[in-house]
Amino acid sequence: MVEITDTAAAELKSLLESEKKEDHSLRIFVAGMGCSGIQYGMSLDTEVNEDDVTIEAKDLKIVMSGDLVDSLAEARDSL
C-alpha cells in the first residue's frame, strides 16, 4: 500500500530529530484534485483520529485516514 525507501526513511528520521519531533508521525492526506488526478500531501502530526490507519515501516509511523487506505487499495487493484 505505502512503501518508504531507505533514503526517504533516513531523511525523515533526520528531519524529525533536527526539529525535535521524534514523537510525530508522517500523515499522508488528499490535498485536492488536479487535472492529472488526486494530489497527495504530507505533514508531521501527533494526532491519530478514530478512523485513521497507522502503518509502521523502518521505525517510522505513517498515518492516513481509513478512506484513503481504501482508495489506495482500489487503485492498486485496478492496475
PDB file of N, CA and C in Angstrom:
ATOM      1  N   MET A   1       0.823  -1.183   0.000  1.00  0.00           N
ATOM      2  CA  MET A   1       0.000   0.000   0.000  1.00  0.00           C
ATOM      3  C   MET A   1       0.868   1.249   0.000  1.00  0.00           C
ATOM      4  N   VAL A   2       1.746   1.403   0.990  1.00  0.00           N
ATOM      5  CA  VAL A   2       2.682   2.523   1.037  1.00  0.00           C
ATOM      6  C   VAL A   2       4.055   1.952   1.310  1.00  0.00           C
ATOM      7  N   GLU A   3       5.000   2.331   0.480  1.00  0.00           N
ATOM      8  CA  GLU A   3       6.370   1.871   0.650  1.00  0.00           C
ATOM      9  C   GLU A   3       7.254   3.079   0.889  1.00  0.00           C
ATOM     10  N   ILE A   4       8.194   2.951   1.789  1.00  0.00           N
ATOM     11  CA  ILE A   4       9.137   4.036   2.050  1.00  0.00           C
ATOM     12  C   ILE A   4      10.539   3.501   1.800  1.00  0.00           C
ATOM     13  N   THR A   5      11.297   4.213   1.000  1.00  0.00           N
ATOM     14  CA  THR A   5      12.652   3.768   0.677  1.00  0.00           C
ATOM     15  C   THR A   5      13.578   4.016   1.869  1.00  0.00           C
ATOM     16  N   ASP A   6      14.714   3.362   1.846  1.00  0.00           N
ATOM     17  CA  ASP A   6      15.707   3.570   2.907  1.00  0.00           C
ATOM     18  C   ASP A   6      16.162   5.031   2.945  1.00  0.00           C
ATOM     19  N   THR A   7      16.340   5.632   1.767  1.00  0.00           N
ATOM     20  CA  THR A   7      16.780   7.024   1.690  1.00  0.00           C
ATOM     21  C   THR A   7      15.723   7.954   2.280  1.00  0.00           C
ATOM     22  N   ALA A   8      14.454   7.738   1.915  1.00  0.00           N
ATOM     23  CA  ALA A   8      13.371   8.574   2.444  1.00  0.00           C
ATOM     24  C   ALA A   8      13.248   8.400   3.956  1.00  0.00           C
ATOM     25  N   ALA A   9      13.379   7.172   4.444  1.00  0.00           N
ATOM     26  CA  ALA A   9      13.291   6.921   5.879  1.00  0.00           C
ATOM     27  C   ALA A   9      14.415   7.641   6.625  1.00  0.00           C
ATOM     28  N   ALA A  10      15.618   7.590   6.083  1.00  0.00           N
ATOM     29  CA  ALA A  10      16.757   8.268   6.714  1.00  0.00           C
ATOM     30  C   ALA A  10      16.539   9.771   6.751  1.00  0.00           C
ATOM     31  N   GLU A  11      16.037  10.346   5.650  1.00  0.00           N
ATOM     32  CA  GLU A  11      15.773  11.787   5.593  1.00  0.00           C
ATOM     33  C   GLU A  11      14.695  12.188   6.592  1.00  0.00           C
ATOM     34  N   LEU A  12      13.631  11.398   6.665  1.00  0.00           N
ATOM     35  CA  LEU A  12      12.543  11.710   7.598  1.00  0.00           C
ATOM     36  C   LEU A  12      13.013  11.592   9.043  1.00  0.00           C
ATOM     37  N   LYS A  13      13.776  10.574   9.350  1.00  0.00           N
ATOM     38  CA  LYS A  13      14.304  10.430  10.711  1.00  0.00           C
ATOM     39  C   LYS A  13      15.200  11.609  11.068  1.00  0.00           C
ATOM     40  N   SER A  14      16.019  12.051  10.117  1.00  0.00           N
ATOM     41  CA  SER A  14      16.890  13.201  10.340  1.00  0.00           C
ATOM     42  C   SER A  14      16.064  14.462  10.576  1.00  0.00           C
ATOM     43  N   LEU A  15      15.016  14.661   9.789  1.00  0.00           N
ATOM     44  CA  LEU A  15      14.130  15.815   9.956  1.00  0.00           C
ATOM     45  C   LEU A  15      13.446  15.795  11.316  1.00  0.00           C
ATOM     46  N   LEU A  16      12.914  14.638  11.695  1.00  0.00           N
ATOM     47  CA  LEU A  16      12.236  14.513  12.995  1.00  0.00           C
ATOM     48  C   LEU A  16      13.191  14.834  14.138  1.00  0.00           C
ATOM     49  N   GLU A  17      14.421  14.353  14.018  1.00  0.00           N
ATOM     50  CA  GLU A  17      15.420  14.596  15.060  1.00  0.00           C
ATOM     51  C   GLU A  17      15.822  16.066  15.109  1.00  0.00           C
ATOM     52  N   SER A  18      16.089  16.664  13.945  1.00  0.00           N
ATOM     53  CA  SER A  18      16.548  18.053  13.933  1.00  0.00           C
ATOM     54  C   SER A  18      15.467  19.023  14.420  1.00  0.00           C
ATOM     55  N   GLU A  19      14.202  18.670  14.208  1.00  0.00           N
ATOM     56  CA  GLU A  19      13.105  19.525  14.662  1.00  0.00           C
ATOM     57  C   GLU A  19      12.568  19.093  16.031  1.00  0.00           C
ATOM     58  N   LYS A  20      13.240  18.114  16.633  1.00  0.00           N
ATOM     59  CA  LYS A  20      12.839  17.582  17.940  1.00  0.00           C
ATOM     60  C   LYS A  20      11.372  17.155  17.935  1.00  0.00           C
ATOM     61  N   LYS A  21      11.020  16.383  16.908  1.00  0.00           N
ATOM     62  CA  LYS A  21       9.653  15.897  16.737  1.00  0.00           C
ATOM     63  C   LYS A  21       9.628  14.377  16.587  1.00  0.00           C
ATOM     64  N   GLU A  22      10.472  13.703  17.345  1.00  0.00           N
ATOM     65  CA  GLU A  22      10.556  12.252  17.247  1.00  0.00           C
ATOM     66  C   GLU A  22       9.247  11.555  17.586  1.00  0.00           C
ATOM     67  N   ASP A  23       8.330  12.260  18.279  1.00  0.00           N
ATOM     68  CA  ASP A  23       7.048  11.679  18.660  1.00  0.00           C
ATOM     69  C   ASP A  23       5.982  11.853  17.577  1.00  0.00           C
ATOM     70  N   HIS A  24       6.330  12.451  16.445  1.00  0.00           N
ATOM     71  CA  HIS A  24       5.387  12.713  15.365  1.00  0.00           C
ATOM     72  C   HIS A  24       5.339  11.550  14.367  1.00  0.00           C
ATOM     73  N   SER A  25       4.229  11.486  13.659  1.00  0.00           N
ATOM     74  CA  SER A  25       4.044  10.535  12.560  1.00  0.00           C
ATOM     75  C   SER A  25       4.017  11.304  11.252  1.00  0.00           C
ATOM     76  N   LEU A  26       4.243  10.604  10.166  1.00  0.00           N
ATOM     77  CA  LEU A  26       4.081  11.192   8.848  1.00  0.00           C
ATOM     78  C   LEU A  26       2.635  10.960   8.435  1.00  0.00           C
ATOM     79  N   ARG A  27       1.882  12.036   8.259  1.00  0.00           N
ATOM     80  CA  ARG A  27       0.492  11.920   7.820  1.00  0.00           C
ATOM     81  C   ARG A  27       0.434  12.142   6.317  1.00  0.00           C
ATOM     82  N   ILE A  28      -0.246  11.226   5.627  1.00  0.00           N
ATOM     83  CA  ILE A  28      -0.496  11.340   4.195  1.00  0.00           C
ATOM     84  C   ILE A  28      -1.974  11.660   4.037  1.00  0.00           C
ATOM     85  N   PHE A  29      -2.277  12.654   3.188  1.00  0.00           N
ATOM     86  CA  PHE A  29      -3.671  13.062   3.027  1.00  0.00           C
ATOM     87  C   PHE A  29      -3.931  13.486   1.582  1.00  0.00           C
ATOM     88  N   VAL A  30      -5.188  13.533   1.225  1.00  0.00           N
ATOM     89  CA  VAL A  30      -5.581  14.031  -0.087  1.00  0.00           C
ATOM     90  C   VAL A  30      -5.600  15.549   0.004  1.00  0.00           C
ATOM     91  N   ALA A  31      -4.788  16.193  -0.845  1.00  0.00           N
ATOM     92  CA  ALA A  31      -4.678  17.648  -0.824  1.00  0.00           C
ATOM     93  C   ALA A  31      -5.596  18.303  -1.840  1.00  0.00           C
ATOM     94  N   GLY A  32      -6.176  17.524  -2.725  1.00  0.00           N
ATOM     95  CA  GLY A  32      -7.083  18.075  -3.719  1.00  0.00           C
ATOM     96  C   GLY A  32      -7.061  17.265  -4.995  1.00  0.00           C
ATOM     97  N   MET A  33      -7.824  17.751  -5.936  1.00  0.00           N
ATOM     98  CA  MET A  33      -7.887  17.107  -7.249  1.00  0.00           C
ATOM     99  C   MET A  33      -7.338  18.079  -8.286  1.00  0.00           C
ATOM    100  N   GLY A  34      -6.542  17.558  -9.162  1.00  0.00           N
ATOM    101  CA  GLY A  34      -5.999  18.380 -10.234  1.00  0.00           C
ATOM    102  C   GLY A  34      -6.346  17.769 -11.574  1.00  0.00           C
ATOM    103  N   CYS A  35      -5.891  18.385 -12.632  1.00  0.00           N
ATOM    104  CA  CYS A  35      -6.194  17.872 -13.971  1.00  0.00           C
ATOM    105  C   CYS A  35      -5.527  16.520 -14.220  1.00  0.00           C
ATOM    106  N   SER A  36      -4.524  16.192 -13.435  1.00  0.00           N
ATOM    107  CA  SER A  36      -3.872  14.889 -13.603  1.00  0.00           C
ATOM    108  C   SER A  36      -4.260  13.903 -12.514  1.00  0.00           C
ATOM    109  N   GLY A  37      -5.314  14.207 -11.753  1.00  0.00           N
ATOM    110  CA  GLY A  37      -5.808  13.267 -10.752  1.00  0.00           C
ATOM    111  C   GLY A  37      -5.655  13.773  -9.336  1.00  0.00           C
ATOM    112  N   ILE A  38      -5.650  12.842  -8.420  1.00  0.00           N
ATOM    113  CA  ILE A  38      -5.571  13.167  -6.994  1.00  0.00           C
ATOM    114  C   ILE A  38      -4.194  13.707  -6.655  1.00  0.00           C
ATOM    115  N   GLN A  39      -4.165  14.747  -5.844  1.00  0.00           N
ATOM    116  CA  GLN A  39      -2.913  15.290  -5.336  1.00  0.00           C
ATOM    117  C   GLN A  39      -2.814  14.943  -3.858  1.00  0.00           C
ATOM    118  N   TYR A  40      -1.692  14.386  -3.468  1.00  0.00           N
ATOM    119  CA  TYR A  40      -1.489  13.971  -2.085  1.00  0.00           C
ATOM    120  C   TYR A  40      -0.574  14.963  -1.372  1.00  0.00           C
ATOM    121  N   GLY A  41      -0.758  15.080  -0.078  1.00  0.00           N
ATOM    122  CA  GLY A  41       0.088  15.915   0.738  1.00  0.00           C
ATOM    123  C   GLY A  41       0.634  15.110   1.903  1.00  0.00           C
ATOM    124  N   MET A  42       1.633  15.661   2.553  1.00  0.00           N
ATOM    125  CA  MET A  42       2.234  15.026   3.722  1.00  0.00           C
ATOM    126  C   MET A  42       2.509  16.091   4.764  1.00  0.00           C
ATOM    127  N   SER A  43       2.386  15.707   6.022  1.00  0.00           N
ATOM    128  CA  SER A  43       2.709  16.610   7.116  1.00  0.00           C
ATOM    129  C   SER A  43       3.150  15.771   8.311  1.00  0.00           C
ATOM    130  N   LEU A  44       3.747  16.431   9.284  1.00  0.00           N
ATOM    131  CA  LEU A  44       4.102  15.774  10.536  1.00  0.00           C
ATOM    132  C   LEU A  44       2.953  16.005  11.499  1.00  0.00           C
ATOM    133  N   ASP A  45       2.548  14.970  12.216  1.00  0.00           N
ATOM    134  CA  ASP A  45       1.348  15.059  13.029  1.00  0.00           C
ATOM    135  C   ASP A  45       1.502  14.208  14.286  1.00  0.00           C
ATOM    136  N   THR A  46       0.905  14.680  15.373  1.00  0.00           N
ATOM    137  CA  THR A  46       0.886  13.895  16.610  1.00  0.00           C
ATOM    138  C   THR A  46      -0.496  13.319  16.891  1.00  0.00           C
ATOM    139  N   GLU A  47      -1.487  13.751  16.122  1.00  0.00           N
ATOM    140  CA  GLU A  47      -2.860  13.293  16.324  1.00  0.00           C
ATOM    141  C   GLU A  47      -3.135  12.030  15.513  1.00  0.00           C
ATOM    142  N   VAL A  48      -3.890  11.123  16.104  1.00  0.00           N
ATOM    143  CA  VAL A  48      -4.385   9.953  15.391  1.00  0.00           C
ATOM    144  C   VAL A  48      -5.891   9.934  15.613  1.00  0.00           C
ATOM    145  N   ASN A  49      -6.631  10.072  14.524  1.00  0.00           N
ATOM    146  CA  ASN A  49      -8.085  10.099  14.600  1.00  0.00           C
ATOM    147  C   ASN A  49      -8.653   8.696  14.678  1.00  0.00           C
ATOM    148  N   GLU A  50      -9.895   8.601  15.082  1.00  0.00           N
ATOM    149  CA  GLU A  50     -10.546   7.310  15.277  1.00  0.00           C
ATOM    150  C   GLU A  50     -10.557   6.454  14.015  1.00  0.00           C
ATOM    151  N   ASP A  51     -10.715   7.080  12.841  1.00  0.00           N
ATOM    152  CA  ASP A  51     -10.791   6.321  11.593  1.00  0.00           C
ATOM    153  C   ASP A  51      -9.444   6.193  10.882  1.00  0.00           C
ATOM    154  N   ASP A  52      -8.362   6.619  11.525  1.00  0.00           N
ATOM    155  CA  ASP A  52      -7.030   6.547  10.918  1.00  0.00           C
ATOM    156  C   ASP A  52      -6.467   5.135  10.949  1.00  0.00           C
ATOM    157  N   VAL A  53      -5.600   4.882  10.002  1.00  0.00           N
ATOM    158  CA  VAL A  53      -4.825   3.645   9.947  1.00  0.00           C
ATOM    159  C   VAL A  53      -3.370   4.033  10.143  1.00  0.00           C
ATOM    160  N   THR A  54      -2.676   3.318  11.017  1.00  0.00           N
ATOM    161  CA  THR A  54      -1.257   3.573  11.267  1.00  0.00           C
ATOM    162  C   THR A  54      -0.446   2.407  10.732  1.00  0.00           C
ATOM    163  N   ILE A  55       0.549   2.743   9.934  1.00  0.00           N
ATOM    164  CA  ILE A  55       1.462   1.747   9.380  1.00  0.00           C
ATOM    165  C   ILE A  55       2.836   2.030   9.968  1.00  0.00           C
ATOM    166  N   GLU A  56       3.519   1.000  10.425  1.00  0.00           N
ATOM    167  CA  GLU A  56       4.883   1.175  10.920  1.00  0.00           C
ATOM    168  C   GLU A  56       5.833   0.553   9.913  1.00  0.00           C
ATOM    169  N   ALA A  57       6.782   1.372   9.463  1.00  0.00           N
ATOM    170  CA  ALA A  57       7.759   0.913   8.479  1.00  0.00           C
ATOM    171  C   ALA A  57       9.092   1.583   8.765  1.00  0.00           C
ATOM    172  N   LYS A  58      10.138   0.801   8.825  1.00  0.00           N
ATOM    173  CA  LYS A  58      11.506   1.312   9.010  1.00  0.00           C
ATOM    174  C   LYS A  58      11.601   2.231  10.229  1.00  0.00           C
ATOM    175  N   ASP A  59      10.968   1.812  11.318  1.00  0.00           N
ATOM    176  CA  ASP A  59      10.966   2.556  12.587  1.00  0.00           C
ATOM    177  C   ASP A  59      10.289   3.913  12.475  1.00  0.00           C
ATOM    178  N   LEU A  60       9.350   4.062  11.544  1.00  0.00           N
ATOM    179  CA  LEU A  60       8.570   5.282  11.378  1.00  0.00           C
ATOM    180  C   LEU A  60       7.097   4.935  11.423  1.00  0.00           C
ATOM    181  N   LYS A  61       6.289   5.892  11.830  1.00  0.00           N
ATOM    182  CA  LYS A  61       4.837   5.707  11.806  1.00  0.00           C
ATOM    183  C   LYS A  61       4.270   6.558  10.677  1.00  0.00           C
ATOM    184  N   ILE A  62       3.448   5.931   9.853  1.00  0.00           N
ATOM    185  CA  ILE A  62       2.766   6.607   8.761  1.00  0.00           C
ATOM    186  C   ILE A  62       1.276   6.508   9.054  1.00  0.00           C
ATOM    187  N   VAL A  63       0.593   7.648   9.052  1.00  0.00           N
ATOM    188  CA  VAL A  63      -0.823   7.705   9.408  1.00  0.00           C
ATOM    189  C   VAL A  63      -1.610   8.252   8.230  1.00  0.00           C
ATOM    190  N   MET A  64      -2.772   7.649   7.984  1.00  0.00           N
ATOM    191  CA  MET A  64      -3.686   8.162   6.963  1.00  0.00           C
ATOM    192  C   MET A  64      -5.095   7.734   7.311  1.00  0.00           C
ATOM    193  N   SER A  65      -6.064   8.427   6.753  1.00  0.00           N
ATOM    194  CA  SER A  65      -7.454   8.085   7.040  1.00  0.00           C
ATOM    195  C   SER A  65      -7.798   6.733   6.426  1.00  0.00           C
ATOM    196  N   GLY A  66      -8.746   6.058   7.037  1.00  0.00           N
ATOM    197  CA  GLY A  66      -9.201   4.779   6.513  1.00  0.00           C
ATOM    198  C   GLY A  66      -9.735   4.905   5.098  1.00  0.00           C
ATOM    199  N   ASP A  67     -10.385   6.042   4.789  1.00  0.00           N
ATOM    200  CA  ASP A  67     -10.900   6.273   3.435  1.00  0.00           C
ATOM    201  C   ASP A  67      -9.768   6.301   2.412  1.00  0.00           C
ATOM    202  N   LEU A  68      -8.660   6.909   2.773  1.00  0.00           N
ATOM    203  CA  LEU A  68      -7.519   6.979   1.864  1.00  0.00           C
ATOM    204  C   LEU A  68      -6.928   5.587   1.651  1.00  0.00           C
ATOM    205  N   VAL A  69      -6.870   4.789   2.702  1.00  0.00           N
ATOM    206  CA  VAL A  69      -6.370   3.419   2.579  1.00  0.00           C
ATOM    207  C   VAL A  69      -7.236   2.642   1.593  1.00  0.00           C
ATOM    208  N   ASP A  70      -8.565   2.781   1.735  1.00  0.00           N
ATOM    209  CA  ASP A  70      -9.484   2.092   0.827  1.00  0.00           C
ATOM    210  C   ASP A  70      -9.279   2.559  -0.605  1.00  0.00           C
ATOM    211  N   SER A  71      -9.107   3.856  -0.793  1.00  0.00           N
ATOM    212  CA  SER A  71      -8.905   4.432  -2.126  1.00  0.00           C
ATOM    213  C   SER A  71      -7.612   3.918  -2.749  1.00  0.00           C
ATOM    214  N   LEU A  72      -6.546   3.855  -1.967  1.00  0.00           N
ATOM    215  CA  LEU A  72      -5.272   3.347  -2.481  1.00  0.00           C
ATOM    216  C   LEU A  72      -5.369   1.868  -2.845  1.00  0.00           C
ATOM    217  N   ALA A  73      -6.099   1.098  -2.035  1.00  0.00           N
ATOM    218  CA  ALA A  73      -6.270  -0.332  -2.319  1.00  0.00           C
ATOM    219  C   ALA A  73      -7.049  -0.527  -3.611  1.00  0.00           C
ATOM    220  N   GLU A  74      -8.100   0.271  -3.822  1.00  0.00           N
ATOM    221  CA  GLU A  74      -8.884   0.187  -5.061  1.00  0.00           C
ATOM    222  C   GLU A  74      -8.008   0.553  -6.268  1.00  0.00           C
ATOM    223  N   ALA A  75      -7.197   1.582  -6.133  1.00  0.00           N
ATOM    224  CA  ALA A  75      -6.325   1.994  -7.229  1.00  0.00           C
ATOM    225  C   ALA A  75      -5.320   0.884  -7.566  1.00  0.00           C
ATOM    226  N   ARG A  76      -4.757   0.255  -6.533  1.00  0.00           N
ATOM    227  CA  ARG A  76      -3.802  -0.827  -6.743  1.00  0.00           C
ATOM    228  C   ARG A  76      -4.462  -2.007  -7.440  1.00  0.00           C
ATOM    229  N   ASP A  77      -5.675  -2.338  -7.024  1.00  0.00           N
ATOM    230  CA  ASP A  77      -6.372  -3.484  -7.591  1.00  0.00           C
ATOM    231  C   ASP A  77      -6.783  -3.258  -9.040  1.00  0.00           C
ATOM    232  N   SER A  78      -6.914  -1.995  -9.444  1.00  0.00           N
ATOM    233  CA  SER A  78      -7.331  -1.700 -10.813  1.00  0.00           C
ATOM    234  C   SER A  78      -6.150  -1.717 -11.791  1.00  0.00           C
ATOM    235  N   LEU A  79      -4.932  -1.848 -11.280  1.00  0.00           N
ATOM    236  CA  LEU A  79      -3.745  -1.858 -12.161  1.00  0.00           C
ATOM    237  C   LEU A  79      -3.611  -3.179 -12.891  1.00  0.00           C
TER     238      LEU A  79
END
